[in-house]
């Protein structure tokens, strides 16, 4: 069953307007299925920690990016936006080189909240990280209004 209300593309969310963390870390969207989104990220000088292995925070960035993108593709973007509320992440094994691949799948697609499960694997299909992301679905006008008041 197809879950997307918007065809999942980077351009659909307008991320090409300005540089952001997705660009900085080299995250790409690689595959879109009927009920999942897959993306990847290099394990290189941008994403490794001082011991030469993938930084746990970079794994979390990949997981939250994929889950948040997927969540937004499931809402009416003219009216709503999905924003991260909480992420739980477990780092299971190290990786030193190559690319890691994350796959986001929905656990719950509600009107006001969504829950996504994201697994991050190495190129040889070994599980590196598993995360659960909860997002709030809020009115777009409310988010824009709050950000205008804070700037």
N, C-alpha and C. Protein backbone atom coordinates (compact mmCIF):
# COMPACT_ATOMS: atom_id res chain seq x y z
N UNK A 1 0.84 -1.18 0.00
CA UNK A 1 0.00 0.00 0.00
C UNK A 1 0.89 1.25 0.00
N UNK A 2 0.66 2.15 -0.92
CA UNK A 2 1.43 3.38 -1.01
C UNK A 2 0.99 4.35 0.09
N UNK A 3 1.96 4.90 0.81
CA UNK A 3 1.65 5.79 1.94
C UNK A 3 1.90 7.26 1.63
N UNK A 4 2.52 7.57 0.50
CA UNK A 4 2.95 8.93 0.22
C UNK A 4 1.81 9.81 -0.30
N UNK A 5 1.72 11.04 0.23
CA UNK A 5 0.79 12.03 -0.31
C UNK A 5 1.51 12.93 -1.31
N UNK A 6 2.82 12.97 -1.22
CA UNK A 6 3.69 13.74 -2.11
C UNK A 6 4.75 12.77 -2.62
N UNK A 7 5.06 12.80 -3.90
CA UNK A 7 6.12 11.94 -4.42
C UNK A 7 7.43 12.32 -3.72
N UNK A 8 8.06 11.36 -3.06
CA UNK A 8 9.27 11.67 -2.29
C UNK A 8 10.46 12.06 -3.18
N UNK A 9 10.73 13.36 -3.21
CA UNK A 9 11.94 13.88 -3.84
C UNK A 9 12.51 14.96 -2.94
N UNK A 10 13.77 15.18 -3.06
CA UNK A 10 14.45 16.24 -2.30
C UNK A 10 13.83 17.60 -2.63
N UNK A 11 13.55 17.81 -3.89
CA UNK A 11 13.00 19.09 -4.34
C UNK A 11 11.61 19.36 -3.76
N UNK A 12 10.85 18.31 -3.48
CA UNK A 12 9.48 18.48 -2.98
C UNK A 12 9.45 19.24 -1.65
N UNK A 13 10.51 19.13 -0.87
CA UNK A 13 10.55 19.84 0.41
C UNK A 13 11.33 21.15 0.33
N UNK A 14 11.88 21.46 -0.83
CA UNK A 14 12.57 22.73 -0.99
C UNK A 14 13.93 22.82 -0.33
N UNK A 15 14.62 21.69 -0.14
CA UNK A 15 15.92 21.72 0.51
C UNK A 15 17.03 22.30 -0.36
N UNK A 16 16.77 22.50 -1.63
CA UNK A 16 17.80 23.05 -2.50
C UNK A 16 17.88 24.56 -2.41
N UNK A 17 17.04 25.17 -1.59
CA UNK A 17 17.02 26.63 -1.46
C UNK A 17 18.29 27.12 -0.76
N UNK A 18 18.78 26.40 0.22
CA UNK A 18 19.95 26.83 0.97
C UNK A 18 20.73 25.59 1.44
N UNK A 19 22.03 25.75 1.68
CA UNK A 19 22.83 24.62 2.17
C UNK A 19 22.33 24.16 3.54
N UNK A 20 22.45 22.88 3.82
CA UNK A 20 21.99 22.34 5.09
C UNK A 20 22.81 21.11 5.46
N UNK A 21 22.45 20.46 6.54
CA UNK A 21 23.22 19.32 7.04
C UNK A 21 23.22 18.16 6.05
N UNK A 22 22.14 17.98 5.32
CA UNK A 22 22.07 16.91 4.32
C UNK A 22 23.22 17.07 3.33
N UNK A 23 23.43 18.29 2.86
CA UNK A 23 24.53 18.57 1.93
C UNK A 23 25.89 18.38 2.60
N UNK A 24 26.02 18.91 3.80
CA UNK A 24 27.29 18.86 4.51
C UNK A 24 27.78 17.43 4.71
N UNK A 25 26.87 16.52 5.05
CA UNK A 25 27.25 15.14 5.32
C UNK A 25 27.16 14.23 4.09
N UNK A 26 26.68 14.76 2.98
CA UNK A 26 26.61 13.95 1.76
C UNK A 26 25.50 12.92 1.77
N UNK A 27 24.40 13.21 2.46
CA UNK A 27 23.27 12.29 2.52
C UNK A 27 22.49 12.35 1.21
N UNK A 28 22.13 11.18 0.70
CA UNK A 28 21.33 11.10 -0.53
C UNK A 28 20.10 10.23 -0.29
N UNK A 29 19.04 10.52 -1.02
CA UNK A 29 17.88 9.64 -1.06
C UNK A 29 18.11 8.70 -2.23
N UNK A 30 18.09 7.40 -1.96
CA UNK A 30 18.49 6.43 -2.97
C UNK A 30 17.35 5.60 -3.54
N UNK A 31 16.33 5.33 -2.73
CA UNK A 31 15.25 4.48 -3.19
C UNK A 31 13.97 4.83 -2.45
N UNK A 32 12.86 4.79 -3.18
CA UNK A 32 11.55 5.03 -2.58
C UNK A 32 10.66 3.86 -2.96
N UNK A 33 10.17 3.15 -1.94
CA UNK A 33 9.22 2.08 -2.16
C UNK A 33 7.83 2.57 -1.82
N UNK A 34 6.86 1.69 -1.88
CA UNK A 34 5.49 2.07 -1.53
C UNK A 34 5.35 2.49 -0.07
N UNK A 35 6.17 1.90 0.81
CA UNK A 35 6.05 2.20 2.24
C UNK A 35 7.40 2.33 2.93
N UNK A 36 8.43 2.70 2.18
CA UNK A 36 9.74 2.92 2.80
C UNK A 36 10.55 3.93 1.98
N UNK A 37 11.55 4.49 2.65
CA UNK A 37 12.47 5.43 2.04
C UNK A 37 13.88 5.01 2.44
N UNK A 38 14.78 4.94 1.46
CA UNK A 38 16.16 4.54 1.72
C UNK A 38 17.09 5.67 1.31
N UNK A 39 18.08 5.92 2.14
CA UNK A 39 19.09 6.92 1.84
C UNK A 39 20.43 6.46 2.36
N UNK A 40 21.49 7.13 1.93
CA UNK A 40 22.82 6.72 2.36
C UNK A 40 23.70 7.92 2.67
N UNK A 41 24.84 7.61 3.28
CA UNK A 41 25.78 8.64 3.71
C UNK A 41 27.18 8.03 3.69
N UNK A 42 28.18 8.80 3.29
CA UNK A 42 29.54 8.26 3.30
C UNK A 42 30.09 8.17 4.72
N UNK A 43 30.98 7.22 4.91
CA UNK A 43 31.77 7.17 6.14
C UNK A 43 33.13 7.74 5.75
N UNK A 44 33.32 9.02 6.07
CA UNK A 44 34.55 9.71 5.68
C UNK A 44 34.89 10.77 6.72
N UNK A 45 35.78 11.70 6.37
CA UNK A 45 36.24 12.71 7.32
C UNK A 45 35.11 13.55 7.90
N UNK A 46 33.98 13.64 7.21
CA UNK A 46 32.85 14.43 7.71
C UNK A 46 32.03 13.68 8.76
N UNK A 47 32.07 12.36 8.72
CA UNK A 47 31.16 11.57 9.54
C UNK A 47 31.85 10.65 10.55
N UNK A 48 33.20 10.60 10.52
CA UNK A 48 33.92 9.76 11.49
C UNK A 48 34.29 10.56 12.73
N UNK A 49 34.39 9.85 13.85
CA UNK A 49 34.87 10.47 15.08
C UNK A 49 36.38 10.24 15.21
N UNK A 50 36.97 10.71 16.28
CA UNK A 50 38.43 10.71 16.42
C UNK A 50 39.06 9.31 16.43
N UNK A 51 38.30 8.27 16.71
CA UNK A 51 38.84 6.91 16.71
C UNK A 51 38.79 6.29 15.31
N UNK A 52 38.31 7.05 14.32
CA UNK A 52 38.31 6.57 12.95
C UNK A 52 37.08 5.75 12.56
N UNK A 53 36.07 5.75 13.40
CA UNK A 53 34.84 5.02 13.09
C UNK A 53 33.68 6.01 12.94
N UNK A 54 32.60 5.53 12.33
CA UNK A 54 31.43 6.37 12.13
C UNK A 54 30.96 6.97 13.46
N UNK A 55 30.79 8.26 13.49
CA UNK A 55 30.33 8.97 14.69
C UNK A 55 28.87 8.60 14.95
N UNK A 56 28.53 8.29 16.18
CA UNK A 56 27.16 7.95 16.53
C UNK A 56 26.19 9.06 16.19
N UNK A 57 26.62 10.31 16.36
CA UNK A 57 25.76 11.43 16.02
C UNK A 57 25.46 11.50 14.54
N UNK A 58 26.41 11.10 13.71
CA UNK A 58 26.17 11.08 12.26
C UNK A 58 25.12 10.01 11.91
N UNK A 59 25.17 8.88 12.59
CA UNK A 59 24.15 7.84 12.38
C UNK A 59 22.77 8.37 12.75
N UNK A 60 22.71 9.11 13.83
CA UNK A 60 21.44 9.69 14.27
C UNK A 60 20.95 10.74 13.27
N UNK A 61 21.87 11.53 12.75
CA UNK A 61 21.48 12.53 11.74
C UNK A 61 20.89 11.83 10.52
N UNK A 62 21.52 10.75 10.06
CA UNK A 62 20.99 10.01 8.92
C UNK A 62 19.60 9.46 9.25
N UNK A 63 19.46 8.85 10.41
CA UNK A 63 18.16 8.27 10.80
C UNK A 63 17.08 9.34 10.89
N UNK A 64 17.39 10.45 11.56
CA UNK A 64 16.37 11.50 11.71
C UNK A 64 16.05 12.15 10.37
N UNK A 65 17.04 12.31 9.53
CA UNK A 65 16.81 12.89 8.20
C UNK A 65 15.85 12.01 7.40
N UNK A 66 16.12 10.72 7.35
CA UNK A 66 15.26 9.82 6.57
C UNK A 66 13.86 9.73 7.15
N UNK A 67 13.76 9.62 8.48
CA UNK A 67 12.45 9.54 9.11
C UNK A 67 11.66 10.83 8.94
N UNK A 68 12.32 11.97 9.09
CA UNK A 68 11.63 13.26 8.94
C UNK A 68 11.19 13.50 7.50
N UNK A 69 12.07 13.19 6.55
CA UNK A 69 11.69 13.32 5.15
C UNK A 69 10.47 12.45 4.85
N UNK A 70 10.56 11.18 5.25
CA UNK A 70 9.46 10.25 4.99
C UNK A 70 8.16 10.75 5.63
N UNK A 71 8.25 11.23 6.86
CA UNK A 71 7.06 11.73 7.56
C UNK A 71 6.42 12.88 6.79
N UNK A 72 7.23 13.79 6.28
CA UNK A 72 6.70 14.93 5.55
C UNK A 72 6.07 14.53 4.22
N UNK A 73 6.54 13.47 3.63
CA UNK A 73 5.96 13.00 2.38
C UNK A 73 4.60 12.32 2.60
N UNK A 74 4.23 12.14 3.87
CA UNK A 74 2.95 11.50 4.21
C UNK A 74 1.89 12.51 4.63
N UNK A 75 2.21 13.79 4.59
CA UNK A 75 1.24 14.80 4.99
C UNK A 75 0.96 15.75 3.82
N UNK A 76 -0.10 16.51 3.94
CA UNK A 76 -0.42 17.55 2.96
C UNK A 76 0.51 18.72 3.24
N UNK A 77 1.57 18.86 2.42
CA UNK A 77 2.60 19.87 2.68
C UNK A 77 2.10 21.30 2.57
N UNK A 78 0.98 21.50 1.92
CA UNK A 78 0.42 22.85 1.84
C UNK A 78 -0.13 23.28 3.21
N UNK A 79 -0.52 22.31 4.03
CA UNK A 79 -1.16 22.62 5.32
C UNK A 79 -0.34 22.21 6.54
N UNK A 80 0.46 21.15 6.41
CA UNK A 80 1.13 20.57 7.59
C UNK A 80 2.62 20.39 7.37
N UNK A 81 3.32 20.22 8.47
CA UNK A 81 4.74 19.86 8.46
C UNK A 81 4.96 18.89 9.61
N UNK A 82 5.82 17.91 9.36
CA UNK A 82 6.17 16.94 10.41
C UNK A 82 7.53 17.33 10.98
N UNK A 83 7.59 17.49 12.29
CA UNK A 83 8.82 17.91 12.95
C UNK A 83 9.19 16.91 14.03
N UNK A 84 10.49 16.67 14.17
CA UNK A 84 10.97 15.69 15.14
C UNK A 84 10.64 16.08 16.57
N UNK A 85 10.19 15.08 17.34
CA UNK A 85 9.92 15.28 18.78
C UNK A 85 10.93 14.52 19.63
N UNK A 86 11.20 13.27 19.21
CA UNK A 86 12.07 12.42 20.03
C UNK A 86 12.68 11.35 19.14
N UNK A 87 13.95 11.04 19.39
CA UNK A 87 14.60 9.94 18.69
C UNK A 87 15.33 9.08 19.71
N UNK A 88 15.20 7.77 19.55
CA UNK A 88 15.91 6.80 20.36
C UNK A 88 16.81 6.03 19.41
N UNK A 89 18.08 5.95 19.73
CA UNK A 89 19.03 5.37 18.79
C UNK A 89 19.97 4.41 19.51
N UNK A 90 20.18 3.26 18.92
CA UNK A 90 21.10 2.26 19.47
C UNK A 90 22.20 1.99 18.45
N UNK A 91 23.45 2.20 18.88
CA UNK A 91 24.62 1.96 18.04
C UNK A 91 25.10 0.54 18.30
N UNK A 92 25.12 -0.29 17.27
CA UNK A 92 25.34 -1.72 17.45
C UNK A 92 26.73 -2.20 17.07
N UNK A 93 27.33 -1.60 16.05
CA UNK A 93 28.69 -2.00 15.67
C UNK A 93 29.35 -0.87 14.91
N UNK A 94 30.68 -0.84 14.93
CA UNK A 94 31.39 0.24 14.24
C UNK A 94 31.55 -0.04 12.75
N UNK A 95 31.78 1.03 12.01
CA UNK A 95 32.12 0.92 10.59
C UNK A 95 33.15 2.03 10.32
N UNK A 96 34.17 1.70 9.50
CA UNK A 96 35.27 2.64 9.27
C UNK A 96 35.25 3.30 7.89
N UNK A 97 34.72 2.62 6.89
CA UNK A 97 34.79 3.14 5.52
C UNK A 97 33.52 2.79 4.76
N UNK A 98 33.43 3.33 3.55
CA UNK A 98 32.32 3.01 2.66
C UNK A 98 31.14 3.95 2.84
N UNK A 99 29.96 3.40 2.65
CA UNK A 99 28.71 4.13 2.85
C UNK A 99 27.83 3.33 3.80
N UNK A 100 27.02 4.03 4.56
CA UNK A 100 25.99 3.37 5.35
C UNK A 100 24.65 3.70 4.71
N UNK A 101 23.74 2.74 4.78
CA UNK A 101 22.44 2.86 4.14
C UNK A 101 21.35 2.75 5.19
N UNK A 102 20.47 3.73 5.22
CA UNK A 102 19.36 3.73 6.17
C UNK A 102 18.04 3.52 5.46
N UNK A 103 17.16 2.78 6.12
CA UNK A 103 15.81 2.54 5.59
C UNK A 103 14.79 2.93 6.65
N UNK A 104 13.90 3.85 6.29
CA UNK A 104 12.85 4.33 7.18
C UNK A 104 11.53 3.68 6.80
N UNK A 105 10.85 3.11 7.79
CA UNK A 105 9.54 2.50 7.59
C UNK A 105 8.60 2.99 8.70
N UNK A 106 7.34 3.22 8.35
CA UNK A 106 6.41 3.72 9.36
C UNK A 106 6.00 2.63 10.35
N UNK A 107 5.85 3.05 11.60
CA UNK A 107 5.28 2.20 12.64
C UNK A 107 3.85 2.67 12.91
N UNK A 108 3.66 4.01 12.88
CA UNK A 108 2.36 4.62 13.16
C UNK A 108 2.25 5.90 12.34
N UNK A 109 1.17 6.04 11.58
CA UNK A 109 0.92 7.25 10.79
C UNK A 109 -0.39 7.88 11.26
N UNK A 110 -0.31 8.64 12.34
CA UNK A 110 -1.51 9.29 12.89
C UNK A 110 -1.69 10.69 12.36
N UNK A 111 -2.79 11.32 12.77
CA UNK A 111 -3.07 12.69 12.33
C UNK A 111 -2.18 13.72 13.03
N UNK A 112 -1.82 13.45 14.28
CA UNK A 112 -1.00 14.43 15.01
C UNK A 112 0.41 13.94 15.33
N UNK A 113 0.62 12.63 15.26
CA UNK A 113 1.97 12.09 15.46
C UNK A 113 2.22 10.95 14.49
N UNK A 114 3.49 10.73 14.22
CA UNK A 114 3.93 9.58 13.45
C UNK A 114 5.13 8.97 14.17
N UNK A 115 5.30 7.66 14.01
CA UNK A 115 6.46 6.97 14.55
C UNK A 115 7.10 6.21 13.40
N UNK A 116 8.42 6.37 13.27
CA UNK A 116 9.19 5.74 12.20
C UNK A 116 10.32 4.90 12.78
N UNK A 117 10.56 3.76 12.17
CA UNK A 117 11.69 2.90 12.53
C UNK A 117 12.72 3.00 11.41
N UNK A 118 13.97 3.27 11.79
CA UNK A 118 15.04 3.42 10.81
C UNK A 118 16.19 2.50 11.19
N UNK A 119 16.56 1.62 10.25
CA UNK A 119 17.74 0.77 10.42
C UNK A 119 18.84 1.30 9.51
N UNK A 120 20.06 1.37 10.04
CA UNK A 120 21.22 1.80 9.27
C UNK A 120 22.16 0.60 9.16
N UNK A 121 22.52 0.27 7.92
CA UNK A 121 23.38 -0.89 7.66
C UNK A 121 24.64 -0.47 6.92
N UNK A 122 25.68 -1.29 7.08
CA UNK A 122 26.91 -1.11 6.31
C UNK A 122 26.69 -1.63 4.90
N UNK A 123 27.66 -1.41 4.03
CA UNK A 123 27.54 -1.89 2.65
C UNK A 123 27.41 -3.41 2.57
N UNK A 124 27.97 -4.11 3.56
CA UNK A 124 27.85 -5.58 3.57
C UNK A 124 26.63 -6.06 4.36
N UNK A 125 25.65 -5.17 4.54
CA UNK A 125 24.34 -5.48 5.13
C UNK A 125 24.38 -5.81 6.62
N UNK A 126 25.41 -5.36 7.31
CA UNK A 126 25.47 -5.56 8.76
C UNK A 126 24.78 -4.39 9.45
N UNK A 127 23.94 -4.69 10.43
CA UNK A 127 23.19 -3.65 11.14
C UNK A 127 24.14 -2.83 12.01
N UNK A 128 24.18 -1.53 11.75
CA UNK A 128 25.07 -0.60 12.44
C UNK A 128 24.33 0.15 13.54
N UNK A 129 23.10 0.53 13.22
CA UNK A 129 22.32 1.38 14.12
C UNK A 129 20.84 1.11 13.88
N UNK A 130 20.06 1.17 14.93
CA UNK A 130 18.61 1.09 14.81
C UNK A 130 18.01 2.23 15.64
N UNK A 131 17.07 2.94 15.04
CA UNK A 131 16.50 4.12 15.68
C UNK A 131 14.99 4.13 15.54
N UNK A 132 14.34 4.79 16.48
CA UNK A 132 12.91 5.05 16.42
C UNK A 132 12.71 6.56 16.56
N UNK A 133 12.00 7.14 15.60
CA UNK A 133 11.77 8.57 15.57
C UNK A 133 10.29 8.86 15.72
N UNK A 134 9.95 9.76 16.64
CA UNK A 134 8.58 10.25 16.78
C UNK A 134 8.53 11.68 16.28
N UNK A 135 7.56 11.96 15.42
CA UNK A 135 7.40 13.32 14.89
C UNK A 135 6.01 13.83 15.22
N UNK A 136 5.91 15.15 15.36
CA UNK A 136 4.62 15.81 15.53
C UNK A 136 4.19 16.35 14.18
N UNK A 137 2.92 16.20 13.86
CA UNK A 137 2.36 16.77 12.64
C UNK A 137 1.63 18.04 13.07
N UNK A 138 2.15 19.19 12.63
CA UNK A 138 1.59 20.48 13.05
C UNK A 138 1.25 21.33 11.84
N UNK A 139 0.41 22.32 12.07
CA UNK A 139 0.02 23.21 10.99
C UNK A 139 1.23 24.02 10.52
N UNK A 140 1.45 24.04 9.22
CA UNK A 140 2.59 24.75 8.63
C UNK A 140 2.58 26.23 9.03
N UNK A 141 1.43 26.87 9.00
CA UNK A 141 1.33 28.29 9.34
C UNK A 141 1.81 28.54 10.76
N UNK A 142 1.51 27.62 11.67
CA UNK A 142 1.92 27.77 13.07
C UNK A 142 3.44 27.71 13.20
N UNK A 143 4.07 26.79 12.49
CA UNK A 143 5.52 26.65 12.54
C UNK A 143 6.19 27.89 11.96
N UNK A 144 5.69 28.37 10.82
CA UNK A 144 6.25 29.55 10.19
C UNK A 144 6.08 30.78 11.07
N UNK A 145 4.92 30.89 11.71
CA UNK A 145 4.65 32.02 12.61
C UNK A 145 5.60 32.00 13.79
N UNK A 146 5.82 30.84 14.40
CA UNK A 146 6.72 30.73 15.53
C UNK A 146 8.16 31.06 15.13
N UNK A 147 8.60 30.60 13.97
CA UNK A 147 9.97 30.88 13.56
C UNK A 147 10.14 32.37 13.24
N UNK A 148 9.12 33.03 12.73
CA UNK A 148 9.19 34.47 12.47
C UNK A 148 9.30 35.25 13.78
N UNK A 149 8.59 34.79 14.81
CA UNK A 149 8.62 35.47 16.10
C UNK A 149 9.97 35.32 16.79
N UNK A 150 10.65 34.19 16.54
CA UNK A 150 11.92 33.93 17.20
C UNK A 150 13.09 34.59 16.49
N UNK A 151 12.91 35.03 15.25
CA UNK A 151 14.06 35.63 14.54
C UNK A 151 14.08 37.12 14.62
